[in-house]
N, C-alpha and C. Protein backbone atom coordinates (compact mmCIF):
# COMPACT_ATOMS: atom_id res chain seq x y z
N MET A 1 6.42 -9.46 -26.50
CA MET A 1 6.67 -8.05 -25.65
C MET A 1 5.53 -7.84 -24.70
N SER A 2 5.62 -7.43 -23.68
CA SER A 2 4.90 -7.20 -22.55
C SER A 2 4.10 -5.79 -22.74
N ASP A 3 3.06 -5.57 -22.14
CA ASP A 3 2.22 -4.50 -22.10
C ASP A 3 2.85 -3.55 -21.15
N PRO A 4 2.68 -2.04 -21.19
CA PRO A 4 3.26 -1.02 -20.33
C PRO A 4 2.64 -1.23 -18.90
N MET A 5 3.36 -0.81 -17.87
CA MET A 5 2.69 -0.94 -16.52
C MET A 5 2.43 0.42 -16.15
N ASN A 6 1.08 0.72 -15.44
CA ASN A 6 0.86 1.88 -14.74
C ASN A 6 1.50 1.97 -13.40
N LEU A 7 2.29 2.78 -13.18
CA LEU A 7 2.98 3.09 -11.96
C LEU A 7 2.35 4.27 -11.27
N GLU A 8 1.51 4.29 -10.19
CA GLU A 8 0.82 5.09 -9.38
C GLU A 8 1.54 5.62 -8.09
N LEU A 9 1.71 6.91 -7.98
CA LEU A 9 2.54 7.45 -6.83
C LEU A 9 1.29 8.02 -5.84
N ARG A 10 1.20 7.31 -4.92
CA ARG A 10 0.03 7.66 -3.94
C ARG A 10 0.07 8.88 -3.39
N ARG A 11 1.39 9.45 -2.75
CA ARG A 11 1.39 10.83 -2.13
C ARG A 11 1.32 11.85 -3.13
N THR A 12 1.72 11.72 -4.35
CA THR A 12 1.37 12.97 -5.23
C THR A 12 0.48 12.64 -6.18
N GLY A 13 -0.10 11.63 -6.20
CA GLY A 13 -1.39 11.61 -7.38
C GLY A 13 -0.85 11.37 -8.57
N VAL A 14 0.32 11.27 -8.85
CA VAL A 14 0.80 11.04 -10.43
C VAL A 14 0.93 9.60 -10.79
N THR A 15 0.49 9.21 -12.02
CA THR A 15 0.60 8.07 -12.31
C THR A 15 1.67 8.07 -13.62
N VAL A 16 2.44 7.18 -13.66
CA VAL A 16 3.71 7.29 -14.85
C VAL A 16 3.29 5.90 -15.60
N ARG A 17 3.30 6.03 -16.77
CA ARG A 17 3.24 4.80 -17.66
C ARG A 17 4.56 4.24 -17.99
N VAL A 18 4.99 3.09 -17.74
CA VAL A 18 6.37 2.45 -17.68
C VAL A 18 6.20 1.56 -18.96
N PRO A 19 7.02 1.86 -19.97
CA PRO A 19 7.16 1.21 -21.14
C PRO A 19 7.83 -0.26 -20.84
N PRO A 20 7.42 -1.25 -21.88
CA PRO A 20 7.94 -2.46 -21.68
C PRO A 20 9.33 -2.70 -21.53
N GLU A 21 10.20 -1.77 -22.32
CA GLU A 21 11.52 -1.93 -22.24
C GLU A 21 12.14 -1.22 -21.02
N SER A 22 11.29 -0.50 -20.07
CA SER A 22 12.02 0.25 -19.24
C SER A 22 11.81 -0.33 -17.84
N THR A 23 12.46 0.06 -16.65
CA THR A 23 12.16 -0.27 -15.36
C THR A 23 11.49 0.72 -14.69
N ALA A 24 10.65 0.41 -13.57
CA ALA A 24 9.99 1.78 -12.75
C ALA A 24 10.86 2.89 -12.57
N LEU A 25 12.27 2.67 -12.06
CA LEU A 25 13.10 3.71 -11.80
C LEU A 25 13.44 4.59 -13.05
N GLU A 26 13.52 4.10 -14.21
CA GLU A 26 14.06 4.73 -15.43
C GLU A 26 12.83 5.61 -15.87
N ALA A 27 11.74 5.02 -15.69
CA ALA A 27 10.21 5.66 -16.08
C ALA A 27 10.26 6.92 -15.13
N LEU A 28 10.34 6.69 -13.91
CA LEU A 28 10.28 7.98 -12.75
C LEU A 28 11.27 9.07 -13.23
N GLU A 29 12.64 8.57 -13.50
CA GLU A 29 13.58 9.42 -13.82
C GLU A 29 13.15 10.31 -15.16
N ASP A 30 12.64 9.52 -16.02
CA ASP A 30 12.36 9.97 -17.48
C ASP A 30 11.20 11.14 -17.22
N HIS A 31 10.39 10.98 -16.27
CA HIS A 31 9.43 12.10 -16.01
C HIS A 31 10.08 13.07 -14.84
N GLY A 32 11.12 13.31 -14.79
CA GLY A 32 11.60 14.17 -13.72
C GLY A 32 11.25 14.02 -12.30
N ILE A 33 11.04 12.80 -11.93
CA ILE A 33 10.73 12.42 -10.49
C ILE A 33 12.03 12.07 -9.78
N ALA A 34 12.44 12.71 -8.99
CA ALA A 34 13.70 12.17 -8.04
C ALA A 34 13.16 10.97 -7.18
N VAL A 35 14.29 9.81 -7.36
CA VAL A 35 13.95 8.92 -6.47
C VAL A 35 15.35 8.57 -5.72
N ASP A 36 15.37 8.38 -4.59
CA ASP A 36 16.47 7.89 -4.00
C ASP A 36 17.16 6.55 -4.79
N SER A 37 18.18 6.75 -5.23
CA SER A 37 18.88 5.66 -5.94
C SER A 37 20.35 5.46 -5.92
N MET A 38 21.08 4.69 -5.65
CA MET A 38 22.33 4.61 -5.94
C MET A 38 22.83 3.21 -6.43
N CYS A 39 21.60 2.52 -7.07
CA CYS A 39 21.76 1.42 -7.79
C CYS A 39 22.82 1.10 -8.70
N ARG A 40 23.12 2.00 -9.41
CA ARG A 40 23.98 2.13 -10.59
C ARG A 40 25.57 2.27 -9.81
N THR A 41 25.72 2.61 -8.84
CA THR A 41 27.06 2.80 -7.99
C THR A 41 27.34 1.14 -7.28
N GLY A 42 26.38 0.63 -7.23
CA GLY A 42 26.45 -0.85 -6.64
C GLY A 42 26.09 -0.69 -5.14
N ILE A 43 25.24 0.26 -4.76
CA ILE A 43 24.43 0.27 -3.53
C ILE A 43 23.20 -0.17 -3.61
N CYS A 44 22.97 -1.64 -3.56
CA CYS A 44 21.81 -2.21 -3.64
C CYS A 44 20.57 -1.88 -2.41
N GLY A 45 19.44 -1.71 -3.13
CA GLY A 45 18.32 -1.38 -1.96
C GLY A 45 17.96 0.06 -1.72
N THR A 46 18.74 0.91 -2.21
CA THR A 46 18.51 2.32 -2.00
C THR A 46 17.12 2.82 -2.68
N CYS A 47 16.65 2.25 -3.72
CA CYS A 47 15.53 2.41 -4.45
C CYS A 47 14.22 1.73 -3.86
N GLU A 48 14.36 1.09 -2.81
CA GLU A 48 13.21 0.20 -2.12
C GLU A 48 12.24 1.17 -1.67
N THR A 49 10.96 0.79 -2.13
CA THR A 49 10.04 1.64 -1.58
C THR A 49 8.73 0.63 -1.43
N THR A 50 7.80 1.29 -0.39
CA THR A 50 6.58 0.64 0.18
C THR A 50 5.54 0.22 -1.13
N VAL A 51 5.12 -0.81 -1.22
CA VAL A 51 4.12 -1.12 -2.14
C VAL A 51 2.81 -1.05 -1.41
N LEU A 52 1.86 -0.22 -2.03
CA LEU A 52 0.45 -0.03 -1.37
C LEU A 52 -0.52 -0.93 -2.26
N GLY A 53 -0.29 -1.30 -3.37
CA GLY A 53 -1.04 -2.29 -4.28
C GLY A 53 -0.26 -2.72 -5.55
N ALA A 54 -0.79 -3.70 -6.17
CA ALA A 54 -0.36 -4.30 -7.19
C ALA A 54 -1.24 -5.19 -7.91
N GLU A 55 -1.14 -5.07 -9.15
CA GLU A 55 -1.98 -6.01 -10.09
C GLU A 55 -0.96 -6.82 -10.96
N PHE A 56 -1.14 -8.06 -11.19
CA PHE A 56 -0.35 -8.88 -12.02
C PHE A 56 -1.24 -9.50 -13.22
N ALA A 57 -0.42 -9.74 -14.22
CA ALA A 57 -1.00 -10.21 -15.58
C ALA A 57 -0.92 -11.77 -15.31
N SER A 58 -0.29 -12.32 -14.46
CA SER A 58 -0.38 -13.77 -14.06
C SER A 58 -0.51 -14.16 -12.65
N ALA A 59 -0.62 -15.22 -12.13
CA ALA A 59 -0.44 -15.58 -10.90
C ALA A 59 1.03 -15.58 -10.19
N ALA A 60 2.04 -15.60 -11.15
CA ALA A 60 3.26 -15.56 -10.60
C ALA A 60 3.59 -14.41 -10.07
N ILE A 61 4.09 -14.09 -8.80
CA ILE A 61 4.71 -13.01 -8.00
C ILE A 61 6.12 -12.62 -8.51
N PRO A 62 6.33 -11.37 -9.26
CA PRO A 62 7.75 -11.13 -9.64
C PRO A 62 8.71 -11.04 -8.45
N ALA A 63 10.21 -11.58 -8.80
CA ALA A 63 11.01 -11.26 -7.78
C ALA A 63 11.26 -10.14 -7.28
N SER A 64 10.99 -8.95 -7.99
CA SER A 64 11.07 -7.56 -7.44
C SER A 64 10.05 -7.03 -6.32
N ILE A 65 9.07 -7.96 -6.21
CA ILE A 65 8.15 -7.84 -4.98
C ILE A 65 8.70 -8.74 -3.89
N LEU A 66 9.15 -7.92 -2.69
CA LEU A 66 9.63 -8.71 -1.60
C LEU A 66 8.85 -8.67 -0.44
N SER A 67 8.51 -9.57 0.18
CA SER A 67 7.60 -9.81 1.43
C SER A 67 8.51 -9.74 2.58
N GLY A 68 7.97 -8.93 3.61
CA GLY A 68 8.53 -8.86 4.78
C GLY A 68 7.62 -9.01 5.89
N PRO A 69 7.92 -8.83 7.11
CA PRO A 69 6.99 -8.97 8.32
C PRO A 69 6.04 -7.63 8.05
N GLY A 70 4.72 -7.96 7.72
CA GLY A 70 3.73 -6.68 7.94
C GLY A 70 4.11 -5.82 6.73
N ARG A 71 4.97 -6.13 5.66
CA ARG A 71 5.19 -5.11 4.66
C ARG A 71 5.45 -5.81 3.35
N CYS A 72 5.43 -5.02 2.25
CA CYS A 72 5.74 -5.48 1.03
C CYS A 72 6.36 -4.21 0.42
N THR A 73 7.40 -4.54 -0.29
CA THR A 73 8.32 -3.45 -0.83
C THR A 73 8.77 -3.90 -2.29
N VAL A 74 9.12 -2.80 -2.92
CA VAL A 74 9.67 -3.19 -4.32
C VAL A 74 11.06 -2.36 -4.63
N ARG A 75 11.70 -2.96 -5.38
CA ARG A 75 13.11 -2.29 -5.68
C ARG A 75 12.65 -1.69 -7.25
N LEU A 76 12.69 -0.46 -7.35
CA LEU A 76 12.18 0.19 -8.39
C LEU A 76 13.18 0.01 -9.67
N CYS A 77 14.44 -0.46 -9.49
CA CYS A 77 15.55 -0.54 -10.48
C CYS A 77 15.23 -1.75 -11.17
N ILE A 78 14.39 -2.85 -10.48
CA ILE A 78 14.19 -3.89 -11.33
C ILE A 78 12.73 -4.21 -11.35
N ALA A 79 11.86 -3.46 -10.91
CA ALA A 79 10.45 -3.43 -11.24
C ALA A 79 10.06 -3.13 -12.76
N GLU A 80 9.56 -4.11 -13.53
CA GLU A 80 9.39 -3.78 -14.77
C GLU A 80 8.07 -4.35 -15.34
N PRO A 81 7.30 -3.85 -16.36
CA PRO A 81 6.15 -4.26 -17.03
C PRO A 81 6.38 -5.82 -17.37
N GLY A 82 5.39 -6.40 -17.30
CA GLY A 82 5.41 -7.90 -17.81
C GLY A 82 4.53 -8.67 -16.79
N PRO A 83 5.01 -9.24 -15.58
CA PRO A 83 4.02 -9.81 -14.60
C PRO A 83 3.29 -8.60 -13.91
N LEU A 84 3.91 -7.55 -13.80
CA LEU A 84 3.34 -6.35 -13.03
C LEU A 84 2.39 -5.57 -14.11
N THR A 85 1.22 -5.48 -14.04
CA THR A 85 0.53 -4.30 -14.92
C THR A 85 0.18 -3.08 -14.18
N ARG A 86 0.02 -3.11 -12.93
CA ARG A 86 -0.25 -1.84 -12.16
C ARG A 86 0.48 -1.97 -10.71
N LEU A 87 1.14 -0.90 -10.45
CA LEU A 87 1.98 -0.77 -9.11
C LEU A 87 1.68 0.47 -8.46
N ILE A 88 1.17 0.29 -7.31
CA ILE A 88 0.98 1.74 -6.45
C ILE A 88 2.01 1.71 -5.54
N ILE A 89 2.72 2.78 -5.20
CA ILE A 89 3.74 3.02 -4.40
C ILE A 89 3.62 4.07 -3.57
N ASP A 90 4.26 4.13 -2.27
CA ASP A 90 4.37 5.25 -1.44
C ASP A 90 5.33 6.43 -1.90
N LEU A 91 5.07 7.04 -3.06
CA LEU A 91 5.78 8.05 -3.21
C LEU A 91 5.02 9.34 -3.41
């Protein structure tokens, strides 16, 4: 079992602890933090947000971190503890 992940919301200054059995989206919802998300209805990508920083337990970058031209984003519905130990997002 992996360790929890610290999910830091830069705009609000809130830090949410994501337990090993949860995704970032589930942890945010459990803390009453509203996030645009239609993942469960099959509309993929609606929970994607900008990553401002991240720390990893290993050198492997998880599939939930997507690189694009000049940006890095994460889909909160699949971002989970394990390789990610700390994630700072633009929320």
